[in-house]
N, C-alpha and C. Protein backbone atom coordinates (compact mmCIF):
# COMPACT_ATOMS: atom_id res chain seq x y z
N UNK A 1 38.63 -28.70 -7.17
CA UNK A 1 39.33 -29.97 -7.28
C UNK A 1 39.98 -30.04 -8.65
N UNK A 2 41.21 -30.47 -8.73
CA UNK A 2 41.96 -30.58 -9.96
C UNK A 2 42.10 -32.03 -10.37
N UNK A 3 42.09 -32.25 -11.65
CA UNK A 3 42.30 -33.59 -12.20
C UNK A 3 43.76 -33.72 -12.58
N UNK A 4 44.35 -34.83 -12.24
CA UNK A 4 45.75 -35.07 -12.56
C UNK A 4 45.80 -35.96 -13.79
N UNK A 5 46.51 -35.50 -14.81
CA UNK A 5 46.65 -36.26 -16.04
C UNK A 5 47.83 -37.22 -15.87
N UNK A 6 47.52 -38.51 -15.77
CA UNK A 6 48.58 -39.49 -15.55
C UNK A 6 48.88 -40.29 -16.81
N UNK A 7 48.19 -39.99 -17.92
CA UNK A 7 48.39 -40.78 -19.13
C UNK A 7 49.78 -40.58 -19.71
N UNK A 8 50.25 -39.36 -19.72
CA UNK A 8 51.60 -39.10 -20.25
C UNK A 8 52.33 -38.18 -19.27
N UNK A 9 53.30 -38.73 -18.57
CA UNK A 9 54.03 -37.90 -17.61
C UNK A 9 54.85 -36.85 -18.34
N UNK A 10 55.09 -35.72 -17.69
CA UNK A 10 55.92 -34.69 -18.34
C UNK A 10 57.32 -35.21 -18.59
N UNK A 11 57.96 -34.63 -19.59
CA UNK A 11 59.35 -34.98 -19.88
C UNK A 11 60.22 -34.55 -18.71
N UNK A 12 61.35 -35.19 -18.56
CA UNK A 12 62.25 -34.77 -17.49
C UNK A 12 62.64 -33.30 -17.67
N UNK A 13 62.53 -32.56 -16.62
CA UNK A 13 62.87 -31.15 -16.65
C UNK A 13 61.75 -30.26 -17.17
N UNK A 14 60.58 -30.84 -17.49
CA UNK A 14 59.46 -30.07 -18.01
C UNK A 14 58.35 -30.06 -16.96
N UNK A 15 57.81 -28.90 -16.71
CA UNK A 15 56.73 -28.80 -15.73
C UNK A 15 55.46 -29.39 -16.32
N UNK A 16 54.53 -29.75 -15.45
CA UNK A 16 53.26 -30.32 -15.89
C UNK A 16 52.49 -29.35 -16.78
N UNK A 17 52.41 -28.03 -16.44
CA UNK A 17 51.70 -27.11 -17.34
C UNK A 17 52.36 -27.01 -18.72
N UNK A 18 53.69 -27.07 -18.77
CA UNK A 18 54.39 -27.02 -20.06
C UNK A 18 54.08 -28.27 -20.88
N UNK A 19 54.03 -29.42 -20.23
CA UNK A 19 53.70 -30.65 -20.93
C UNK A 19 52.28 -30.60 -21.47
N UNK A 20 51.37 -30.05 -20.69
CA UNK A 20 49.98 -29.90 -21.14
C UNK A 20 49.91 -28.96 -22.33
N UNK A 21 50.64 -27.87 -22.27
CA UNK A 21 50.66 -26.93 -23.40
C UNK A 21 51.21 -27.60 -24.65
N UNK A 22 52.21 -28.43 -24.48
CA UNK A 22 52.78 -29.15 -25.61
C UNK A 22 51.76 -30.10 -26.23
N UNK A 23 51.00 -30.79 -25.40
CA UNK A 23 49.96 -31.70 -25.91
C UNK A 23 48.87 -30.92 -26.63
N UNK A 24 48.47 -29.79 -26.10
CA UNK A 24 47.45 -28.95 -26.74
C UNK A 24 47.96 -28.47 -28.09
N UNK A 25 49.20 -28.04 -28.15
CA UNK A 25 49.79 -27.57 -29.41
C UNK A 25 49.87 -28.72 -30.42
N UNK A 26 50.23 -29.90 -29.96
CA UNK A 26 50.32 -31.05 -30.86
C UNK A 26 48.95 -31.40 -31.42
N UNK A 27 47.92 -31.35 -30.59
CA UNK A 27 46.55 -31.62 -31.06
C UNK A 27 46.12 -30.58 -32.08
N UNK A 28 46.49 -29.32 -31.85
CA UNK A 28 46.13 -28.25 -32.78
C UNK A 28 46.82 -28.47 -34.13
N UNK A 29 48.10 -28.81 -34.10
CA UNK A 29 48.84 -29.06 -35.34
C UNK A 29 48.21 -30.23 -36.10
N UNK A 30 47.86 -31.29 -35.39
CA UNK A 30 47.22 -32.44 -36.05
C UNK A 30 45.88 -32.05 -36.65
N UNK A 31 45.11 -31.22 -35.96
CA UNK A 31 43.82 -30.78 -36.49
C UNK A 31 44.00 -29.94 -37.75
N UNK A 32 44.99 -29.06 -37.75
CA UNK A 32 45.27 -28.24 -38.93
C UNK A 32 45.71 -29.13 -40.09
N UNK A 33 46.62 -30.04 -39.84
CA UNK A 33 47.08 -30.94 -40.90
C UNK A 33 45.95 -31.80 -41.44
N UNK A 34 45.08 -32.24 -40.57
CA UNK A 34 43.92 -33.03 -41.01
C UNK A 34 43.01 -32.20 -41.90
N UNK A 35 42.79 -30.95 -41.55
CA UNK A 35 41.95 -30.06 -42.36
C UNK A 35 42.59 -29.80 -43.72
N UNK A 36 43.87 -29.57 -43.74
CA UNK A 36 44.58 -29.33 -45.00
C UNK A 36 44.50 -30.58 -45.89
N UNK A 37 44.69 -31.74 -45.30
CA UNK A 37 44.60 -32.98 -46.06
C UNK A 37 43.21 -33.16 -46.65
N UNK A 38 42.18 -32.86 -45.87
CA UNK A 38 40.80 -32.98 -46.35
C UNK A 38 40.54 -32.03 -47.52
N UNK A 39 41.04 -30.82 -47.43
CA UNK A 39 40.88 -29.85 -48.52
C UNK A 39 41.58 -30.35 -49.78
N UNK A 40 42.80 -30.85 -49.62
CA UNK A 40 43.54 -31.37 -50.77
C UNK A 40 42.82 -32.55 -51.43
N UNK A 41 42.26 -33.42 -50.61
CA UNK A 41 41.52 -34.56 -51.16
C UNK A 41 40.26 -34.10 -51.90
N UNK A 42 39.59 -33.09 -51.38
CA UNK A 42 38.40 -32.54 -52.04
C UNK A 42 38.79 -31.94 -53.39
N UNK A 43 39.87 -31.17 -53.43
CA UNK A 43 40.34 -30.59 -54.69
C UNK A 43 40.70 -31.68 -55.70
N UNK A 44 41.35 -32.72 -55.23
CA UNK A 44 41.72 -33.82 -56.11
C UNK A 44 40.47 -34.48 -56.70
N UNK A 45 39.47 -34.69 -55.87
CA UNK A 45 38.23 -35.33 -56.32
C UNK A 45 37.50 -34.45 -57.34
N UNK A 46 37.45 -33.14 -57.08
CA UNK A 46 36.82 -32.22 -58.05
C UNK A 46 37.54 -32.28 -59.39
N UNK A 47 38.84 -32.27 -59.36
CA UNK A 47 39.63 -32.32 -60.58
C UNK A 47 39.36 -33.61 -61.35
N UNK A 48 39.30 -34.71 -60.64
CA UNK A 48 39.04 -36.01 -61.27
C UNK A 48 37.66 -36.04 -61.91
N UNK A 49 36.65 -35.55 -61.19
CA UNK A 49 35.29 -35.54 -61.72
C UNK A 49 35.17 -34.64 -62.94
N UNK A 50 35.86 -33.51 -62.93
CA UNK A 50 35.80 -32.60 -64.07
C UNK A 50 36.47 -33.20 -65.29
N UNK A 51 37.57 -33.92 -65.09
CA UNK A 51 38.21 -34.60 -66.22
C UNK A 51 37.29 -35.66 -66.80
N UNK A 52 36.60 -36.39 -65.92
CA UNK A 52 35.67 -37.42 -66.38
C UNK A 52 34.50 -36.79 -67.14
N UNK A 53 34.01 -35.65 -66.67
CA UNK A 53 32.91 -34.97 -67.35
C UNK A 53 33.33 -34.58 -68.77
N UNK A 54 34.54 -34.06 -68.92
CA UNK A 54 35.03 -33.67 -70.24
C UNK A 54 35.21 -34.87 -71.16
N UNK A 55 35.41 -36.04 -70.60
CA UNK A 55 35.65 -37.24 -71.40
C UNK A 55 34.35 -37.90 -71.87
N UNK A 56 33.20 -37.47 -71.36
CA UNK A 56 31.94 -38.09 -71.76
C UNK A 56 31.60 -37.75 -73.20
N UNK A 57 30.96 -38.69 -73.86
CA UNK A 57 30.52 -38.46 -75.24
C UNK A 57 29.29 -37.55 -75.24
N UNK A 58 28.95 -37.03 -76.41
CA UNK A 58 27.76 -36.18 -76.52
C UNK A 58 26.49 -36.93 -76.13
N UNK A 59 26.43 -38.21 -76.50
CA UNK A 59 25.25 -39.00 -76.13
C UNK A 59 25.14 -39.17 -74.61
N UNK A 60 26.27 -39.41 -73.97
CA UNK A 60 26.25 -39.56 -72.50
C UNK A 60 25.84 -38.24 -71.84
N UNK A 61 26.36 -37.15 -72.34
CA UNK A 61 25.99 -35.84 -71.79
C UNK A 61 24.50 -35.59 -71.97
N UNK A 62 23.97 -35.97 -73.15
CA UNK A 62 22.54 -35.79 -73.41
C UNK A 62 21.71 -36.61 -72.43
N UNK A 63 22.19 -37.83 -72.12
CA UNK A 63 21.48 -38.70 -71.17
C UNK A 63 21.36 -38.07 -69.79
N UNK A 64 22.35 -37.29 -69.39
CA UNK A 64 22.29 -36.68 -68.06
C UNK A 64 21.80 -35.22 -68.11
N UNK A 65 21.44 -34.79 -69.32
CA UNK A 65 20.84 -33.46 -69.45
C UNK A 65 21.82 -32.30 -69.42
N UNK A 66 23.04 -32.53 -69.90
CA UNK A 66 24.05 -31.48 -69.90
C UNK A 66 24.53 -31.28 -71.33
N UNK A 67 24.63 -30.04 -71.75
CA UNK A 67 25.14 -29.76 -73.09
C UNK A 67 26.66 -29.83 -73.09
N UNK A 68 27.24 -29.93 -74.28
CA UNK A 68 28.70 -29.95 -74.40
C UNK A 68 29.28 -28.64 -73.86
N UNK A 69 28.59 -27.52 -74.12
CA UNK A 69 29.05 -26.21 -73.63
C UNK A 69 29.05 -26.17 -72.10
N UNK A 70 27.98 -26.71 -71.49
CA UNK A 70 27.92 -26.75 -70.02
C UNK A 70 29.03 -27.63 -69.45
N UNK A 71 29.26 -28.77 -70.10
CA UNK A 71 30.32 -29.67 -69.64
C UNK A 71 31.68 -29.00 -69.77
N UNK A 72 31.88 -28.30 -70.89
CA UNK A 72 33.16 -27.61 -71.08
C UNK A 72 33.34 -26.50 -70.04
N UNK A 73 32.26 -25.76 -69.76
CA UNK A 73 32.32 -24.69 -68.76
C UNK A 73 32.70 -25.25 -67.39
N UNK A 74 32.01 -26.32 -66.99
CA UNK A 74 32.28 -26.92 -65.68
C UNK A 74 33.64 -27.61 -65.66
N UNK A 75 33.97 -28.31 -66.72
CA UNK A 75 35.21 -29.08 -66.76
C UNK A 75 36.45 -28.23 -66.85
N UNK A 76 36.30 -27.01 -67.32
CA UNK A 76 37.50 -26.16 -67.45
C UNK A 76 37.76 -25.29 -66.22
N UNK A 77 36.91 -25.41 -65.22
CA UNK A 77 37.14 -24.65 -63.99
C UNK A 77 38.38 -25.17 -63.28
N UNK A 78 39.13 -24.28 -62.61
CA UNK A 78 40.25 -24.76 -61.79
C UNK A 78 39.72 -25.62 -60.62
N UNK A 79 40.55 -26.48 -60.12
CA UNK A 79 40.14 -27.43 -59.08
C UNK A 79 39.63 -26.75 -57.81
N UNK A 80 40.07 -25.54 -57.54
CA UNK A 80 39.69 -24.91 -56.27
C UNK A 80 38.35 -24.18 -56.37
N UNK A 81 37.79 -24.06 -57.54
CA UNK A 81 36.50 -23.37 -57.68
C UNK A 81 35.35 -24.33 -57.52
N UNK A 82 34.25 -23.81 -57.00
CA UNK A 82 33.06 -24.66 -56.83
C UNK A 82 32.10 -24.47 -57.98
């Protein structure tokens, strides 16, 4: 038994399998774009946190148990590194 997709009719001149393939491709593109956006947002957040770490005073770093050298090491990493 086959299920008929009636939510979006095929475009004029387009077969039902072609319309389904188009929807699958569109979902895939959206999933890829969503993943890329999430990666970019993660990189942005890492960069922001590292800048904030470098801006902390020595007393603040001491309070959280991090030396200035450790903060400099972590803060100078490129955004894409973990």
